[in-house]
Amino acid sequence: MVFTTRLAGGKGGRNALEHELHQRGVIQINSTPNHPTTCGKIERFHQTLKRWLSRQPHAHTMTELQTQLDAFVDEYNHRRPHCSLPHKATPATAYTARPKLAPGERTDSHQRVRTDRVDTYGT
């Protein structure tokens, strides 16, 4: 109930967080209850962020914290290689290396090829 009251059975409207997000024009998207696997990527990102922040000087103001967060985003996306990416590239290099479509363009089916393995049981 801290993050959303949508599961409260129609009781009460918005909580303080929902109200604040709405005031700022932020659309809130919550994960499905009892399905933690849907949150794995963001939880791993939060873990990386928390570890990085723990090695920085303690921020005493929101401005100092924002400066640290901006530095983290730059480090995470542009400087820190990710072992999950080919040749240990950064997210920025992997993103910019892929072709982009302009609005209204259709993708050629040969640009993305899916390869599946089928076992002897047909799975």
Protein backbone atom coordinates (compact mmCIF):
# COMPACT_ATOMS: atom_id res chain seq x y z
CA MET A 1 0.00 0.00 0.00
CA VAL A 2 3.04 2.27 0.20
CA PHE A 3 3.43 2.42 -3.58
CA THR A 4 -0.15 1.98 -4.77
CA THR A 5 -3.69 1.62 -3.46
CA ARG A 6 -4.94 -0.03 -6.64
CA LEU A 7 -5.09 -3.39 -4.85
CA ALA A 8 -7.06 -2.06 -1.89
CA GLY A 9 -10.35 -3.22 -3.30
CA GLY A 10 -11.55 0.22 -4.39
CA LYS A 11 -11.03 1.81 -0.96
CA GLY A 12 -9.55 5.23 -0.71
CA GLY A 13 -8.26 6.62 -4.03
CA ARG A 14 -4.59 7.62 -4.33
CA ASN A 15 -1.97 7.46 -1.61
CA ALA A 16 0.66 10.19 -1.13
CA LEU A 17 3.12 8.69 -3.64
CA GLU A 18 0.47 8.23 -6.31
CA HIS A 19 -0.74 11.79 -5.76
CA GLU A 20 2.79 13.22 -6.04
CA LEU A 21 3.52 11.26 -9.21
CA HIS A 22 0.21 12.36 -10.73
CA GLN A 23 0.95 16.02 -9.87
CA ARG A 24 4.30 15.71 -11.68
CA GLY A 25 2.78 14.05 -14.74
CA VAL A 26 4.44 10.69 -14.10
CA ILE A 27 2.55 7.60 -15.17
CA GLN A 28 2.98 4.93 -12.51
CA ILE A 29 3.37 1.32 -13.61
CA ASN A 30 3.45 -1.35 -10.93
CA SER A 31 4.52 -4.95 -11.32
CA THR A 32 2.07 -7.78 -10.89
CA PRO A 33 1.73 -8.93 -7.27
CA ASN A 34 3.42 -12.24 -6.44
CA HIS A 35 5.47 -12.21 -9.67
CA PRO A 36 8.97 -11.11 -8.58
CA THR A 37 10.56 -12.43 -11.77
CA THR A 38 9.12 -9.46 -13.67
CA CYS A 39 11.30 -7.11 -11.61
CA GLY A 40 14.67 -8.85 -11.89
CA LYS A 41 16.35 -6.43 -14.30
CA ILE A 42 15.39 -3.32 -12.39
CA GLU A 43 16.29 -4.91 -9.06
CA ARG A 44 19.73 -5.80 -10.45
CA PHE A 45 20.11 -2.22 -11.68
CA HIS A 46 19.14 -0.89 -8.23
CA GLN A 47 21.71 -3.18 -6.62
CA THR A 48 24.42 -1.83 -8.94
CA LEU A 49 23.35 1.76 -8.24
CA LYS A 50 23.32 1.23 -4.45
CA ARG A 51 26.78 -0.36 -4.50
CA TRP A 52 28.13 2.51 -6.60
CA LEU A 53 26.58 5.15 -4.33
CA SER A 54 27.98 3.42 -1.23
CA ARG A 55 31.49 4.07 -2.58
CA GLN A 56 30.83 7.80 -3.11
CA PRO A 57 31.07 10.59 -0.52
CA HIS A 58 27.77 11.01 1.34
CA ALA A 59 25.56 13.54 -0.48
CA HIS A 60 24.23 16.20 1.91
CA THR A 61 21.91 17.95 -0.54
CA MET A 62 19.61 16.94 -3.36
CA THR A 63 21.93 18.78 -5.77
CA GLU A 64 24.92 16.71 -4.62
CA LEU A 65 22.88 13.51 -4.92
CA GLN A 66 21.69 14.47 -8.40
CA THR A 67 25.30 15.14 -9.44
CA GLN A 68 26.26 11.67 -8.21
CA LEU A 69 23.30 10.06 -10.00
CA ASP A 70 24.21 11.86 -13.23
CA ALA A 71 27.80 10.59 -12.89
CA PHE A 72 26.50 7.05 -12.30
CA VAL A 73 24.30 7.15 -15.40
CA ASP A 74 27.25 8.32 -17.48
CA GLU A 75 29.52 5.63 -16.01
CA TYR A 76 26.89 2.89 -16.37
CA ASN A 77 25.91 3.68 -19.95
CA HIS A 78 29.08 5.09 -21.52
CA ARG A 79 32.16 3.86 -19.66
CA ARG A 80 31.49 0.64 -17.73
CA PRO A 81 31.60 -2.43 -19.99
CA HIS A 82 28.78 -4.91 -19.38
CA CYS A 83 29.82 -8.54 -19.55
CA SER A 84 26.35 -9.47 -20.84
CA LEU A 85 27.04 -7.52 -24.04
CA PRO A 86 29.21 -8.83 -26.88
CA HIS A 87 32.88 -7.96 -26.56
CA LYS A 88 32.11 -6.30 -23.21
CA ALA A 89 30.59 -3.23 -24.85
CA THR A 90 28.79 -0.47 -23.02
CA PRO A 91 25.01 -0.06 -23.30
CA ALA A 92 25.50 3.15 -25.29
CA THR A 93 27.72 1.48 -27.90
CA ALA A 94 25.33 -1.48 -28.19
CA TYR A 95 22.35 0.87 -28.56
CA THR A 96 23.95 3.13 -31.18
CA ALA A 97 25.25 0.15 -33.19
CA ARG A 98 21.74 -1.08 -33.99
CA PRO A 99 19.82 0.36 -36.93
CA LYS A 100 16.93 2.63 -35.97
CA LEU A 101 13.63 3.07 -37.76
CA ALA A 102 12.18 6.47 -38.51
CA PRO A 103 8.51 7.11 -37.71
CA GLY A 104 6.31 5.30 -40.23
CA GLU A 105 9.09 3.01 -41.47
CA ARG A 106 8.56 -0.74 -41.48
CA THR A 107 11.24 -3.18 -40.49
CA ASP A 108 12.55 -5.66 -43.02
CA SER A 109 11.92 -9.16 -41.66
CA HIS A 110 15.52 -10.12 -42.45
CA GLN A 111 17.01 -7.61 -40.01
CA ARG A 112 16.08 -9.69 -36.99
CA VAL A 113 16.44 -13.43 -37.14
CA ARG A 114 15.20 -15.68 -34.35
CA THR A 115 16.90 -19.02 -33.78
CA ASP A 116 15.23 -21.59 -31.53
CA ARG A 117 16.46 -24.99 -30.41
CA VAL A 118 13.95 -27.83 -30.44
CA ASP A 119 14.74 -30.87 -28.33
CA THR A 120 13.80 -34.45 -29.16
CA TYR A 121 10.45 -33.99 -27.39
CA GLY A 122 9.49 -31.02 -29.57
CA THR A 123 9.92 -28.42 -26.85
